[in-house]
Amino acid sequence: MNIRKITSLWSTIIIEELVRQGADFFCISPGSRSTPLTVAVARNPKARWKIFPDERSAGFFALGHARAAGKPAVLICTSGTAVANYFPAIVEASMDCQPMLILSADRPFELLECGANQTIRQENIFGNYTRWNMQLPAPSKEVPLKSLLSTAAYAVAKACGSPAGPVHLNQPFREPLEPEDPDYSDPWFEPLRSWHENGRASTLPVLPEKQPEPSAIDQLRRLLAEADQPLLVAGSLSQTEAGAIEKLAEELHVPLYADLSSGLRLNQTTSPWQLAMQSSEFRNYFRPDLVLHFGGHLVAKHPASAVREWKPEHYIVVRPHPNRFSPDHNVTMSIEASITLTSEMLKGCRSGKCFTCEAADEFFRNASIEIDAEALHEKAVTEISAARLVSRYIKPEQALFLSNSMPVRDMDSYACTTCREGIPAGLNRGASGIDGIISSAAGFAGGLGRPVTLLIGDIAFLHDLNALTLLRNLGFPLQIIVLNNNGGGIFSFLPVSGCTDVFETHFATPQDYSVRLAAETFGIRYSCPSTNREFADIYAEASSGCQSIVIEVKGTRRNNMEQHRNLQARIATQAAALFADL
């Protein structure tokens, strides 16, 4: 068997086993050294794939796909800096426990560190950000093929394990790289005969939900029963986990702080505690003695500030993996277990106890009125009103994706709570970068199989502009709402904004590029409404269609800051009037 047949058979086996293990979607960036892998995917009728000219965009698309589908997409690239371009997406996936599998092609040993072209040290290039990495041997008949099956199976299991995250397989290839039909009659392949014929995965890893320890549940039930005022917090959750926490809060009659990443923030059964947490009068009135936090990070800083202020006797975190979550080092109990199973075991532990607060309900109503005043039809559309109107008009069959900086904060604070069903919300909060946002949203749409509305700032839009090429054949439309204040608007809220000698030139980063021309360059519909009525009409029409669109909301950083501070001041006045004397 010649080297071409060996390489083709080797690559075919790896790809086939990945597909059988459930990792059947491939994000491929064209290259020469990765030819055997790319051809193996292209010729596998069960494999699904998408081509990406830019590996960085491919990495974030795979990240968004994983957030939606709950299983890894497989990234395939050539050697050299191509693989390095995955790094930002791998960091985000690792920090936020999202499954991902990287299959990078490499030069063989004899070409390393000898001046050979397009050659870098790729082995373990991602360091501690992978759950597992393996340097595979160059294809050779000296290697038993069963080892490829177990390696591929283990790679998927590690990517989906606890905690989930990126896995890197680095595969060297020797030339020639041109494909040739695999030879299944060779004795080398004989040990895989039954595998080849039965169509099943070599091994079927069982990933059961981790049962909570009975002693931990007993203690937690007792603490909840004894607590005078508990508070539930929902951080980043899957849809199944979110439904379980929502039911638990209703059954126990305990207030629920629903972060945007939980998927519960827009539900009509939740209250926007984000607004209440900003009021010192409310925090002084409502002082929980137990905080039970499910899931991961929160968008807003106010809950953490409130917990530092309250100093509850018990601050308990439930997560399905062992990674530490205690940014302020104040967690008193950490439970590593299935969130769904844990919540089910806590039902019935607070019979007869119910939290009621007429002042809080009145505050939420009054705050809602103040926010709605920003979204009146005749008023100019703003970053605040855009978030409010999207949350009001988004359809149940859609999903949300939020860019970091101001868009995610505005939606977290000012969204309506009128949805009867949960709206999936995707956001890259593991490392909270603004890179790869359009690609992530596109992957989120592909993984969910539904349209996605993306709120993104102008700098983040520019950062991932080439990802607009993905929208032509995505299969599901994106409504991209670009909040354009000509720069990094979030910096206007920071103390550095007072340093007038350096702020505009070194922090605000004005760009003055045309969002309209960018959309037209990639053949995407464009609109720029001036009023809330126009915005609502355009967004509603786009949400009912099958074409992607870029909707630009123009403003200035100064006006945006003033609008935020004025609204926050009005809401704070409402809170002070209601809670100061309670």
Protein backbone atom coordinates (compact mmCIF):
# COMPACT_ATOMS: atom_id res chain seq x y z
CA MET A 1 0.00 0.00 0.00
CA ASN A 2 1.51 3.35 -1.03
CA ILE A 3 1.63 6.44 1.19
CA ARG A 4 -1.36 8.04 -0.55
CA LYS A 5 -3.56 5.03 0.16
CA ILE A 6 -2.30 4.85 3.75
CA THR A 7 -3.02 8.53 4.33
CA SER A 8 -6.47 8.37 2.71
CA LEU A 9 -7.53 5.31 4.71
CA TRP A 10 -6.15 6.82 7.93
CA SER A 11 -8.08 10.08 7.45
CA THR A 12 -11.24 8.29 6.38
CA ILE A 13 -11.25 6.24 9.58
CA ILE A 14 -10.77 9.27 11.84
CA ILE A 15 -13.59 11.23 10.18
CA GLU A 16 -15.95 8.25 10.11
CA GLU A 17 -15.48 7.55 13.82
CA LEU A 18 -16.01 11.21 14.72
CA VAL A 19 -19.27 11.15 12.77
CA ARG A 20 -20.37 7.96 14.51
CA GLN A 21 -19.55 9.55 17.87
CA GLY A 22 -21.96 12.40 17.08
CA ALA A 23 -19.37 15.00 16.04
CA ASP A 24 -20.75 15.11 12.53
CA PHE A 25 -20.52 18.84 11.72
CA PHE A 26 -17.21 20.11 10.34
CA CYS A 27 -15.96 23.69 9.99
CA ILE A 28 -13.32 23.46 7.27
CA SER A 29 -10.79 26.09 6.25
CA PRO A 30 -9.13 25.16 2.93
CA GLY A 31 -5.44 24.35 2.91
CA SER A 32 -2.93 22.01 1.33
CA ARG A 33 -1.62 20.06 4.32
CA SER A 34 -5.18 19.29 5.52
CA THR A 35 -6.20 17.87 2.10
CA PRO A 36 -6.62 14.27 3.36
CA LEU A 37 -8.97 15.34 6.15
CA THR A 38 -10.99 17.69 3.98
CA VAL A 39 -11.44 15.06 1.28
CA ALA A 40 -12.48 12.49 3.91
CA VAL A 41 -15.22 14.84 5.12
CA ALA A 42 -16.34 15.75 1.61
CA ARG A 43 -16.67 12.09 0.63
CA ASN A 44 -18.48 11.01 3.80
CA PRO A 45 -22.23 11.09 3.05
CA LYS A 46 -23.12 11.38 6.75
CA ALA A 47 -20.87 14.37 7.43
CA ARG A 48 -22.20 17.93 7.41
CA TRP A 49 -19.79 20.74 6.69
CA LYS A 50 -19.27 24.44 6.06
CA ILE A 51 -16.28 26.14 4.42
CA PHE A 52 -14.58 29.15 6.06
CA PRO A 53 -11.87 31.23 4.37
CA ASP A 54 -10.95 32.58 7.83
CA GLU A 55 -10.02 30.16 10.63
CA ARG A 56 -10.81 32.76 13.29
CA SER A 57 -14.37 33.04 12.03
CA ALA A 58 -14.60 29.25 11.80
CA GLY A 59 -13.60 28.92 15.45
CA PHE A 60 -16.30 31.29 16.65
CA PHE A 61 -18.90 29.69 14.39
CA ALA A 62 -18.05 26.33 15.98
CA LEU A 63 -18.40 27.98 19.39
CA GLY A 64 -21.87 29.32 18.59
CA HIS A 65 -22.87 25.96 17.14
CA ALA A 66 -21.77 24.21 20.34
CA ARG A 67 -23.76 26.64 22.51
CA ALA A 68 -26.87 25.76 20.55
CA ALA A 69 -26.39 22.06 19.84
CA GLY A 70 -24.60 20.98 23.02
CA LYS A 71 -22.04 18.94 21.08
CA PRO A 72 -18.75 19.78 19.40
CA ALA A 73 -18.28 20.94 15.86
CA VAL A 74 -14.98 19.75 14.41
CA LEU A 75 -12.55 22.40 13.17
CA ILE A 76 -10.21 21.37 10.35
CA CYS A 77 -7.33 23.54 9.14
CA THR A 78 -3.91 23.41 7.53
CA SER A 79 -0.58 23.93 9.28
CA GLY A 80 1.10 27.14 10.45
CA THR A 81 -0.68 30.25 11.69
CA ALA A 82 -4.00 28.82 10.50
CA VAL A 83 -4.35 26.81 13.69
CA ALA A 84 -3.27 29.79 15.84
CA ASN A 85 -6.26 31.75 14.56
CA TYR A 86 -8.53 29.41 16.54
CA PHE A 87 -7.05 30.58 19.83
CA PRO A 88 -9.57 33.32 20.83
CA ALA A 89 -12.55 31.02 20.25
CA ILE A 90 -10.81 28.19 22.12
CA VAL A 91 -10.21 30.46 25.11
CA GLU A 92 -13.91 31.41 25.17
CA ALA A 93 -15.01 27.78 24.79
CA SER A 94 -12.70 26.69 27.59
CA MET A 95 -13.74 29.47 29.97
CA ASP A 96 -17.45 28.86 29.36
CA CYS A 97 -17.27 25.05 29.16
CA GLN A 98 -18.44 24.65 25.56
CA PRO A 99 -17.47 21.49 23.62
CA MET A 100 -15.14 21.92 20.66
CA LEU A 101 -12.81 19.65 18.69
CA ILE A 102 -9.80 20.89 16.71
CA LEU A 103 -8.25 18.61 14.09
CA SER A 104 -5.24 20.48 12.76
CA ALA A 105 -2.99 19.23 9.99
CA ASP A 106 0.75 19.58 10.55
CA ARG A 107 4.12 19.03 8.92
CA PRO A 108 5.90 15.81 9.92
CA PHE A 109 8.71 15.65 12.47
CA GLU A 110 11.54 16.03 9.96
CA LEU A 111 10.24 19.46 8.87
CA LEU A 112 10.00 21.00 12.35
CA GLU A 113 12.42 23.80 13.29
CA CYS A 114 14.58 23.39 10.21
CA GLY A 115 13.38 26.34 8.13
CA ALA A 116 10.58 24.49 6.32
CA ASN A 117 7.83 26.75 5.04
CA GLN A 118 4.53 27.23 6.89
CA THR A 119 5.74 25.24 9.87
CA ILE A 120 5.35 26.14 13.56
CA ARG A 121 5.26 24.12 16.78
CA GLN A 122 1.59 23.09 16.90
CA GLU A 123 1.69 20.38 19.54
CA ASN A 124 -0.10 21.62 22.70
CA ILE A 125 -0.28 25.10 21.18
CA PHE A 126 -3.42 25.90 23.20
CA GLY A 127 -1.90 24.85 26.53
CA ASN A 128 -4.23 24.71 29.52
CA TYR A 129 -7.22 25.86 27.49
CA THR A 130 -7.85 22.34 26.19
CA ARG A 131 -9.44 19.50 28.12
CA TRP A 132 -7.13 17.10 26.28
CA ASN A 133 -4.63 17.35 23.46
CA MET A 134 -2.82 14.63 21.54
CA GLN A 135 -0.02 14.65 18.99
CA LEU A 136 -0.98 11.91 16.53
CA PRO A 137 1.65 10.02 14.55
CA ALA A 138 2.08 10.51 10.83
CA PRO A 139 0.03 7.87 8.96
CA SER A 140 1.90 4.59 8.93
CA LYS A 141 1.11 0.88 8.75
CA GLU A 142 3.21 0.50 11.91
CA VAL A 143 0.31 2.02 13.87
CA PRO A 144 -2.70 -0.22 14.63
CA LEU A 145 -5.85 1.38 13.22
CA LYS A 146 -7.88 0.55 16.32
CA SER A 147 -5.87 3.21 18.12
CA LEU A 148 -7.39 5.82 15.80
CA LEU A 149 -10.90 4.70 16.76
CA SER A 150 -10.26 4.89 20.49
CA THR A 151 -8.49 8.24 20.11
CA ALA A 152 -11.39 9.79 18.17
CA ALA A 153 -13.92 8.37 20.63
CA TYR A 154 -11.97 9.64 23.63
CA ALA A 155 -11.58 13.08 22.04
CA VAL A 156 -15.37 13.48 21.73
CA ALA A 157 -15.92 12.14 25.25
CA LYS A 158 -13.43 14.65 26.70
CA ALA A 159 -14.94 17.52 24.72
CA CYS A 160 -18.40 16.69 26.06
CA GLY A 161 -17.31 15.63 29.55
CA SER A 162 -17.35 17.52 32.82
CA PRO A 163 -16.31 20.21 32.32
CA ALA A 164 -16.91 20.34 28.58
CA GLY A 165 -14.40 22.21 26.47
CA PRO A 166 -11.93 22.16 23.58
CA VAL A 167 -9.93 19.08 22.56
CA HIS A 168 -7.02 19.33 20.14
CA LEU A 169 -5.77 16.54 17.88
CA ASN A 170 -2.69 17.54 15.90
CA GLN A 171 -2.22 15.35 12.81
CA PRO A 172 1.05 15.43 10.81
CA PHE A 173 0.95 14.32 7.17
CA ARG A 174 3.76 13.51 4.78
CA GLU A 175 3.49 14.26 1.09
CA PRO A 176 2.03 13.31 -1.31
CA LEU A 177 -1.30 14.62 -0.01
CA GLU A 178 -3.48 13.92 -3.06
CA PRO A 179 -6.34 11.55 -2.20
CA GLU A 180 -6.64 7.99 -3.35
CA ASP A 181 -9.42 5.49 -2.77
CA PRO A 182 -8.81 3.67 0.53
CA ASP A 183 -7.86 0.03 0.28
CA TYR A 184 -10.20 -1.89 2.60
CA SER A 185 -8.76 -5.25 1.49
CA ASP A 186 -5.34 -4.66 3.00
CA PRO A 187 -4.54 -6.88 6.05
CA TRP A 188 -3.75 -3.70 7.99
CA PHE A 189 -7.48 -2.87 7.92
CA GLU A 190 -8.70 -6.37 8.88
CA PRO A 191 -9.06 -5.66 12.67
CA LEU A 192 -11.61 -2.94 11.74
CA ARG A 193 -13.68 -5.19 9.49
CA SER A 194 -16.65 -5.57 11.84
CA TRP A 195 -16.55 -1.85 12.70
CA HIS A 196 -16.57 -0.99 9.02
CA GLU A 197 -19.55 -3.20 8.31
CA ASN A 198 -21.79 -2.60 11.35
CA GLY A 199 -21.91 1.20 11.06
CA ARG A 200 -21.70 1.70 14.84
CA ALA A 201 -19.30 3.76 16.91
CA SER A 202 -16.34 1.82 18.30
CA THR A 203 -17.36 2.72 21.84
CA LEU A 204 -20.42 4.49 23.20
CA PRO A 205 -19.39 6.75 26.06
CA VAL A 206 -22.09 7.17 28.68
CA LEU A 207 -22.23 10.71 30.07
CA PRO A 208 -24.89 10.51 32.79
CA GLU A 209 -25.95 13.53 34.77
CA LYS A 210 -23.97 13.69 37.99
CA GLN A 211 -26.17 12.80 40.94
CA PRO A 212 -25.84 15.17 43.91
CA GLU A 213 -24.57 13.64 47.12
CA PRO A 214 -27.50 12.75 49.42
CA SER A 215 -25.78 14.44 52.35
CA ALA A 216 -25.42 17.66 50.35
CA ILE A 217 -29.11 17.60 49.37
CA ASP A 218 -30.15 16.95 52.98
CA GLN A 219 -28.09 19.88 54.17
CA LEU A 220 -29.33 22.16 51.40
CA ARG A 221 -32.96 21.27 52.04
CA ARG A 222 -32.49 22.05 55.73
CA LEU A 223 -30.80 25.39 55.02
CA LEU A 224 -33.56 26.40 52.60
CA ALA A 225 -36.27 25.43 55.09
CA GLU A 226 -34.63 27.43 57.87
CA ALA A 227 -33.80 30.52 55.80
CA ASP A 228 -35.91 33.59 56.51
CA GLN A 229 -35.32 35.09 53.08
CA PRO A 230 -33.60 32.98 50.41
CA LEU A 231 -32.80 34.18 46.91
CA LEU A 232 -32.31 31.97 43.85
CA VAL A 233 -29.88 33.11 41.15
CA ALA A 234 -29.91 31.64 37.63
CA GLY A 235 -26.63 32.13 35.76
CA SER A 236 -25.65 30.54 32.46
CA LEU A 237 -27.90 27.50 31.94
CA SER A 238 -29.07 25.11 29.28
CA GLN A 239 -32.74 25.24 28.28
CA THR A 240 -33.49 22.10 30.31
CA GLU A 241 -31.72 23.49 33.37
CA ALA A 242 -33.47 26.84 33.02
CA GLY A 243 -36.91 25.22 32.99
CA ALA A 244 -36.06 23.26 36.12
CA ILE A 245 -34.91 26.36 38.02
CA GLU A 246 -37.96 28.35 36.95
CA LYS A 247 -40.23 25.59 38.29
CA LEU A 248 -38.25 25.39 41.53
CA ALA A 249 -38.61 29.12 42.18
CA GLU A 250 -42.36 28.95 41.56
CA GLU A 251 -42.79 25.87 43.75
CA LEU A 252 -40.78 27.31 46.66
CA HIS A 253 -42.22 30.86 46.26
CA VAL A 254 -38.67 32.23 46.35
CA PRO A 255 -37.49 35.28 44.36
CA LEU A 256 -35.47 34.41 41.25
CA TYR A 257 -32.76 36.60 39.79
CA ALA A 258 -32.68 35.46 36.15
CA ASP A 259 -29.55 36.50 34.29
CA LEU A 260 -29.83 37.00 30.54
CA SER A 261 -27.59 33.96 29.95
CA SER A 262 -30.07 31.73 31.80
CA GLY A 263 -32.65 32.05 29.00
CA LEU A 264 -35.25 33.10 31.61
CA ARG A 265 -34.76 36.88 31.59
CA LEU A 266 -37.57 37.58 29.09
CA ASN A 267 -40.08 35.14 30.60
CA GLN A 268 -43.29 36.62 31.93
CA THR A 269 -42.92 34.61 35.15
CA THR A 270 -39.71 36.45 36.13
CA SER A 271 -39.14 39.95 37.48
CA PRO A 272 -36.29 42.26 36.38
CA TRP A 273 -34.32 42.10 39.63
CA GLN A 274 -31.41 43.65 37.69
CA LEU A 275 -33.07 47.05 38.17
CA ALA A 276 -33.86 46.55 41.84
CA MET A 277 -30.30 45.49 42.65
CA GLN A 278 -29.08 48.92 41.53
CA SER A 279 -31.04 50.65 44.32
CA SER A 280 -29.31 51.02 47.68
CA GLU A 281 -32.73 51.44 49.33
CA PHE A 282 -33.94 48.16 47.89
CA ARG A 283 -30.76 46.33 48.85
CA ASN A 284 -31.16 47.62 52.38
CA TYR A 285 -34.79 46.47 52.50
CA PHE A 286 -34.32 43.08 50.84
CA ARG A 287 -31.49 41.28 52.64
CA PRO A 288 -31.46 37.53 51.90
CA ASP A 289 -29.76 35.29 54.42
CA LEU A 290 -29.23 32.54 51.83
CA VAL A 291 -28.27 32.89 48.17
CA LEU A 292 -28.51 29.76 46.01
CA HIS A 293 -26.69 30.30 42.71
CA PHE A 294 -27.23 27.85 39.83
CA GLY A 295 -24.89 27.91 36.84
CA GLY A 296 -22.19 30.35 35.83
CA HIS A 297 -21.32 34.00 35.42
CA LEU A 298 -23.76 36.92 35.52
CA VAL A 299 -23.81 39.85 33.11
CA ALA A 300 -24.31 42.60 35.69
CA LYS A 301 -21.98 43.49 38.56
CA HIS A 302 -24.79 44.55 40.89
CA PRO A 303 -25.65 41.07 42.27
CA ALA A 304 -22.05 40.47 43.34
CA SER A 305 -21.93 43.94 44.91
CA ALA A 306 -25.19 43.22 46.72
CA VAL A 307 -23.90 39.90 48.07
CA ARG A 308 -20.80 41.64 49.39
CA GLU A 309 -23.07 44.15 51.07
CA TRP A 310 -25.56 41.62 52.45
CA LYS A 311 -22.98 39.11 53.69
CA PRO A 312 -25.53 36.27 53.70
CA GLU A 313 -24.83 33.43 56.10
CA HIS A 314 -24.97 30.97 53.21
CA TYR A 315 -23.88 31.53 49.61
CA ILE A 316 -24.25 28.22 47.78
CA VAL A 317 -23.24 27.45 44.20
CA VAL A 318 -24.51 24.47 42.18
CA ARG A 319 -22.60 23.62 38.99
CA PRO A 320 -22.34 20.39 36.98
CA HIS A 321 -18.53 20.43 36.92
CA PRO A 322 -15.69 20.94 39.40
CA ASN A 323 -14.40 24.31 38.18
CA ARG A 324 -14.24 26.87 40.96
CA PHE A 325 -16.76 29.71 40.87
CA SER A 326 -16.20 32.21 43.65
CA PRO A 327 -14.92 35.51 42.22
CA ASP A 328 -15.22 37.21 45.63
CA HIS A 329 -14.11 34.10 47.56
CA ASN A 330 -17.27 34.18 49.63
CA VAL A 331 -18.99 30.92 48.61
CA THR A 332 -19.82 28.85 51.71
CA MET A 333 -20.89 25.66 49.93
CA SER A 334 -20.19 24.36 46.41
CA ILE A 335 -22.11 21.42 44.96
CA GLU A 336 -20.83 19.63 41.87
CA ALA A 337 -23.92 17.96 40.44
CA SER A 338 -26.58 18.09 37.76
CA ILE A 339 -28.50 21.33 38.08
CA THR A 340 -31.70 19.66 36.88
CA LEU A 341 -31.47 16.75 39.32
CA THR A 342 -30.50 19.02 42.22
CA SER A 343 -33.44 21.35 41.64
CA GLU A 344 -35.86 18.42 41.52
CA MET A 345 -34.59 17.14 44.87
CA LEU A 346 -35.17 20.52 46.54
CA LYS A 347 -38.89 20.74 45.88
CA GLY A 348 -41.17 20.78 48.90
CA CYS A 349 -38.59 22.01 51.41
CA ARG A 350 -40.30 25.36 52.14
CA SER A 351 -43.99 24.54 52.44
CA GLY A 352 -46.04 27.42 53.78
CA LYS A 353 -43.30 30.02 53.33
CA CYS A 354 -43.86 32.64 50.66
CA PHE A 355 -42.13 35.88 49.75
CA THR A 356 -44.52 38.73 49.04
CA CYS A 357 -43.62 42.38 48.68
CA GLU A 358 -46.20 44.79 47.28
CA ALA A 359 -43.57 47.53 47.16
CA ALA A 360 -41.31 45.38 44.99
CA ASP A 361 -44.16 44.59 42.60
CA GLU A 362 -45.01 48.28 42.38
CA PHE A 363 -41.36 49.10 41.74
CA PHE A 364 -41.20 46.66 38.83
CA ARG A 365 -44.37 48.16 37.33
CA ASN A 366 -43.08 51.72 37.69
CA ALA A 367 -39.65 50.83 36.31
CA SER A 368 -41.33 49.21 33.32
CA ILE A 369 -43.28 52.39 32.65
CA GLU A 370 -40.07 54.45 32.73
CA ILE A 371 -38.34 52.13 30.25
CA ASP A 372 -41.39 52.03 27.99
CA ALA A 373 -41.27 55.82 27.89
CA GLU A 374 -37.91 55.47 26.08
CA ALA A 375 -39.61 53.33 23.42
CA LEU A 376 -42.56 55.58 22.55
CA HIS A 377 -43.30 55.50 18.83
CA GLU A 378 -42.46 59.11 18.03
CA LYS A 379 -39.16 59.18 19.90
CA ALA A 380 -35.79 58.61 18.24
CA VAL A 381 -34.63 55.02 18.42
CA THR A 382 -31.75 54.56 20.87
CA GLU A 383 -29.63 51.73 22.21
CA ILE A 384 -32.03 51.45 25.17
CA SER A 385 -35.21 51.45 23.11
CA ALA A 386 -33.75 49.02 20.56
CA ALA A 387 -33.16 46.46 23.31
CA ARG A 388 -36.64 47.06 24.74
CA LEU A 389 -38.37 46.75 21.38
CA VAL A 390 -36.48 43.62 20.35
CA SER A 391 -37.47 41.92 23.61
CA ARG A 392 -41.08 42.99 23.00
CA TYR A 393 -41.40 41.87 19.38
CA ILE A 394 -39.05 38.88 19.09
CA LYS A 395 -40.94 35.78 17.98
CA PRO A 396 -41.03 32.50 19.95
CA GLU A 397 -39.38 30.69 17.05
CA GLN A 398 -36.39 33.06 17.14
CA ALA A 399 -33.33 33.29 19.39
CA LEU A 400 -31.16 36.11 20.69
CA PHE A 401 -27.42 36.64 20.53
CA LEU A 402 -25.84 39.55 22.38
CA SER A 403 -22.48 41.17 21.88
CA ASN A 404 -20.45 42.14 24.91
CA SER A 405 -19.99 45.67 26.23
CA MET A 406 -23.23 47.70 26.10
CA PRO A 407 -25.64 45.50 24.04
CA VAL A 408 -25.66 42.63 26.54
CA ARG A 409 -25.97 45.01 29.49
CA ASP A 410 -28.87 46.92 27.90
CA MET A 411 -30.80 43.74 27.15
CA ASP A 412 -30.11 42.35 30.62
CA SER A 413 -31.36 45.55 32.28
CA TYR A 414 -34.13 46.82 30.01
CA ALA A 415 -35.75 43.80 28.37
CA CYS A 416 -39.49 43.17 28.68
CA THR A 417 -40.67 40.16 30.66
CA THR A 418 -43.61 39.21 28.46
CA CYS A 419 -42.52 36.04 26.67
CA ARG A 420 -44.64 32.97 27.38
CA GLU A 421 -41.89 30.64 26.25
CA GLY A 422 -38.19 30.89 26.86
CA ILE A 423 -36.10 32.65 24.22
CA PRO A 424 -32.67 31.01 23.83
CA ALA A 425 -30.02 33.64 24.50
CA GLY A 426 -26.42 33.22 23.41
CA LEU A 427 -23.52 35.33 24.61
CA ASN A 428 -19.76 34.88 24.85
CA ARG A 429 -19.28 35.62 28.54
CA GLY A 430 -16.54 33.11 29.29
CA ALA A 431 -13.88 35.69 28.52
CA SER A 432 -16.31 38.49 27.48
CA GLY A 433 -14.47 39.54 24.34
CA ILE A 434 -15.99 41.41 21.39
CA ASP A 435 -14.21 39.28 18.77
CA GLY A 436 -16.02 36.77 16.58
CA ILE A 437 -19.53 37.89 17.57
CA ILE A 438 -21.14 37.70 14.10
CA SER A 439 -19.56 34.29 13.53
CA SER A 440 -20.78 33.07 16.92
CA ALA A 441 -24.32 34.28 16.20
CA ALA A 442 -24.28 32.54 12.82
CA GLY A 443 -23.12 29.31 14.46
CA PHE A 444 -25.82 29.73 17.11
CA ALA A 445 -28.47 30.01 14.38
CA GLY A 446 -27.09 26.98 12.57
CA GLY A 447 -26.93 24.90 15.74
CA LEU A 448 -30.45 25.81 16.81
CA GLY A 449 -31.91 25.65 13.33
CA ARG A 450 -33.80 28.91 13.80
CA PRO A 451 -33.44 32.63 13.00
CA VAL A 452 -31.35 34.73 15.37
CA THR A 453 -31.48 38.41 16.28
CA LEU A 454 -28.04 39.84 17.08
CA LEU A 455 -27.46 43.09 18.95
CA ILE A 456 -23.91 44.27 18.35
CA GLY A 457 -21.87 47.45 18.76
CA ASP A 458 -20.13 49.15 15.87
CA ILE A 459 -16.61 48.17 16.95
CA ALA A 460 -17.55 44.49 17.44
CA PHE A 461 -19.31 44.58 14.04
CA LEU A 462 -16.14 45.90 12.40
CA HIS A 463 -14.04 43.33 14.28
CA ASP A 464 -15.84 40.40 12.60
CA LEU A 465 -16.89 42.02 9.33
CA ASN A 466 -15.75 39.18 7.09
CA ALA A 467 -18.22 36.87 8.86
CA LEU A 468 -20.98 38.53 6.84
CA THR A 469 -19.99 36.11 4.07
CA LEU A 470 -21.56 33.33 6.19
CA LEU A 471 -25.06 34.76 5.88
CA ARG A 472 -25.55 33.96 2.19
CA ASN A 473 -25.95 30.21 2.65
CA LEU A 474 -26.54 29.93 6.38
CA GLY A 475 -30.06 28.58 5.97
CA PHE A 476 -31.51 30.75 8.75
CA PRO A 477 -31.68 34.54 8.62
CA LEU A 478 -29.90 36.86 11.04
CA GLN A 479 -31.34 40.22 12.02
CA ILE A 480 -28.15 42.13 12.88
CA ILE A 481 -28.86 45.31 14.83
CA VAL A 482 -25.74 47.48 14.82
CA LEU A 483 -25.72 50.04 17.64
CA ASN A 484 -23.46 52.65 16.11
CA ASN A 485 -22.25 55.43 18.39
CA ASN A 486 -18.97 55.73 16.46
CA GLY A 487 -16.69 54.11 18.98
CA GLY A 488 -16.43 52.08 22.16
CA GLY A 489 -19.45 53.52 23.94
CA ILE A 490 -18.88 51.60 27.15
CA PHE A 491 -15.73 53.60 27.86
CA SER A 492 -17.88 56.72 28.26
CA PHE A 493 -19.22 55.17 31.48
CA LEU A 494 -15.74 54.61 32.94
CA PRO A 495 -13.63 57.09 34.94
CA VAL A 496 -11.10 57.31 32.11
CA SER A 497 -13.69 59.29 30.13
CA GLY A 498 -12.71 62.26 32.29
CA CYS A 499 -9.17 62.21 30.89
CA THR A 500 -9.99 64.47 27.96
CA ASP A 501 -6.42 64.60 26.70
CA VAL A 502 -6.33 60.87 25.87
CA PHE A 503 -9.92 59.58 25.93
CA GLU A 504 -11.03 60.32 22.37
CA THR A 505 -7.77 59.27 20.73
CA HIS A 506 -6.89 56.21 22.81
CA PHE A 507 -10.13 54.77 24.21
CA ALA A 508 -13.23 55.92 22.32
CA THR A 509 -11.78 54.63 19.01
CA PRO A 510 -14.01 56.50 16.53
CA GLN A 511 -14.00 54.73 13.16
CA ASP A 512 -16.33 56.67 10.83
CA TYR A 513 -16.88 53.71 8.51
CA SER A 514 -20.15 53.08 6.66
CA VAL A 515 -22.29 50.25 8.01
CA ARG A 516 -24.54 50.63 4.95
CA LEU A 517 -21.69 50.14 2.50
CA ALA A 518 -20.44 47.15 4.50
CA ALA A 519 -23.85 45.49 4.24
CA GLU A 520 -24.10 46.27 0.54
CA THR A 521 -20.61 44.87 -0.07
CA PHE A 522 -21.78 41.48 1.19
CA GLY A 523 -25.19 41.70 -0.53
CA ILE A 524 -27.19 42.04 2.69
CA ARG A 525 -30.33 44.13 3.11
CA TYR A 526 -29.81 47.35 5.07
CA SER A 527 -32.05 49.77 6.92
CA CYS A 528 -31.49 52.73 9.22
CA PRO A 529 -34.68 53.70 11.09
CA SER A 530 -34.81 57.02 12.88
CA THR A 531 -37.80 56.52 15.21
CA ASN A 532 -38.95 53.72 17.47
CA ARG A 533 -42.01 53.18 15.26
CA GLU A 534 -39.82 52.76 12.17
CA PHE A 535 -37.49 50.42 14.04
CA ALA A 536 -40.35 48.25 15.33
CA ASP A 537 -41.93 48.02 11.87
CA ILE A 538 -38.65 47.13 10.15
CA TYR A 539 -37.69 44.59 12.80
CA ALA A 540 -41.12 42.94 12.79
CA GLU A 541 -41.08 42.69 8.99
CA ALA A 542 -37.54 41.28 8.96
CA SER A 543 -38.41 38.74 11.67
CA SER A 544 -41.20 37.38 9.48
CA GLY A 545 -39.00 37.06 6.40
CA CYS A 546 -36.31 34.65 5.30
CA GLN A 547 -33.57 37.14 4.41
CA SER A 548 -30.84 38.46 6.68
CA ILE A 549 -30.75 42.19 7.34
CA VAL A 550 -28.50 44.79 8.95
CA ILE A 551 -30.43 47.41 10.90
CA GLU A 552 -28.28 50.34 11.95
CA VAL A 553 -29.22 52.42 15.00
CA LYS A 554 -27.23 55.64 14.89
CA GLY A 555 -26.42 57.74 17.94
CA THR A 556 -23.60 59.44 19.77
CA ARG A 557 -21.63 58.30 22.77
CA ARG A 558 -22.51 61.42 24.73
CA ASN A 559 -26.25 61.15 24.09
CA ASN A 560 -26.17 57.44 24.88
CA MET A 561 -24.48 58.05 28.22
CA GLU A 562 -26.93 60.82 29.13
CA GLN A 563 -29.94 58.67 28.20
CA HIS A 564 -28.68 55.81 30.36
CA ARG A 565 -27.95 58.03 33.34
CA ASN A 566 -31.27 59.88 33.10
CA LEU A 567 -33.22 56.61 32.96
CA GLN A 568 -31.22 55.12 35.82
CA ALA A 569 -31.85 58.26 37.88
CA ARG A 570 -35.63 58.07 37.30
CA ILE A 571 -35.71 54.40 38.27
CA ALA A 572 -33.59 55.11 41.35
CA THR A 573 -36.04 57.83 42.40
CA GLN A 574 -38.91 55.33 42.12
CA ALA A 575 -37.01 52.86 44.29
CA ALA A 576 -36.11 55.43 46.91
CA ALA A 577 -39.74 56.52 47.24
CA LEU A 578 -40.95 52.94 47.70
CA PHE A 579 -38.27 51.36 49.88
CA ALA A 580 -36.72 54.17 51.94
CA ASP A 581 -39.26 53.98 54.76
CA LEU A 582 -39.92 50.20 54.74
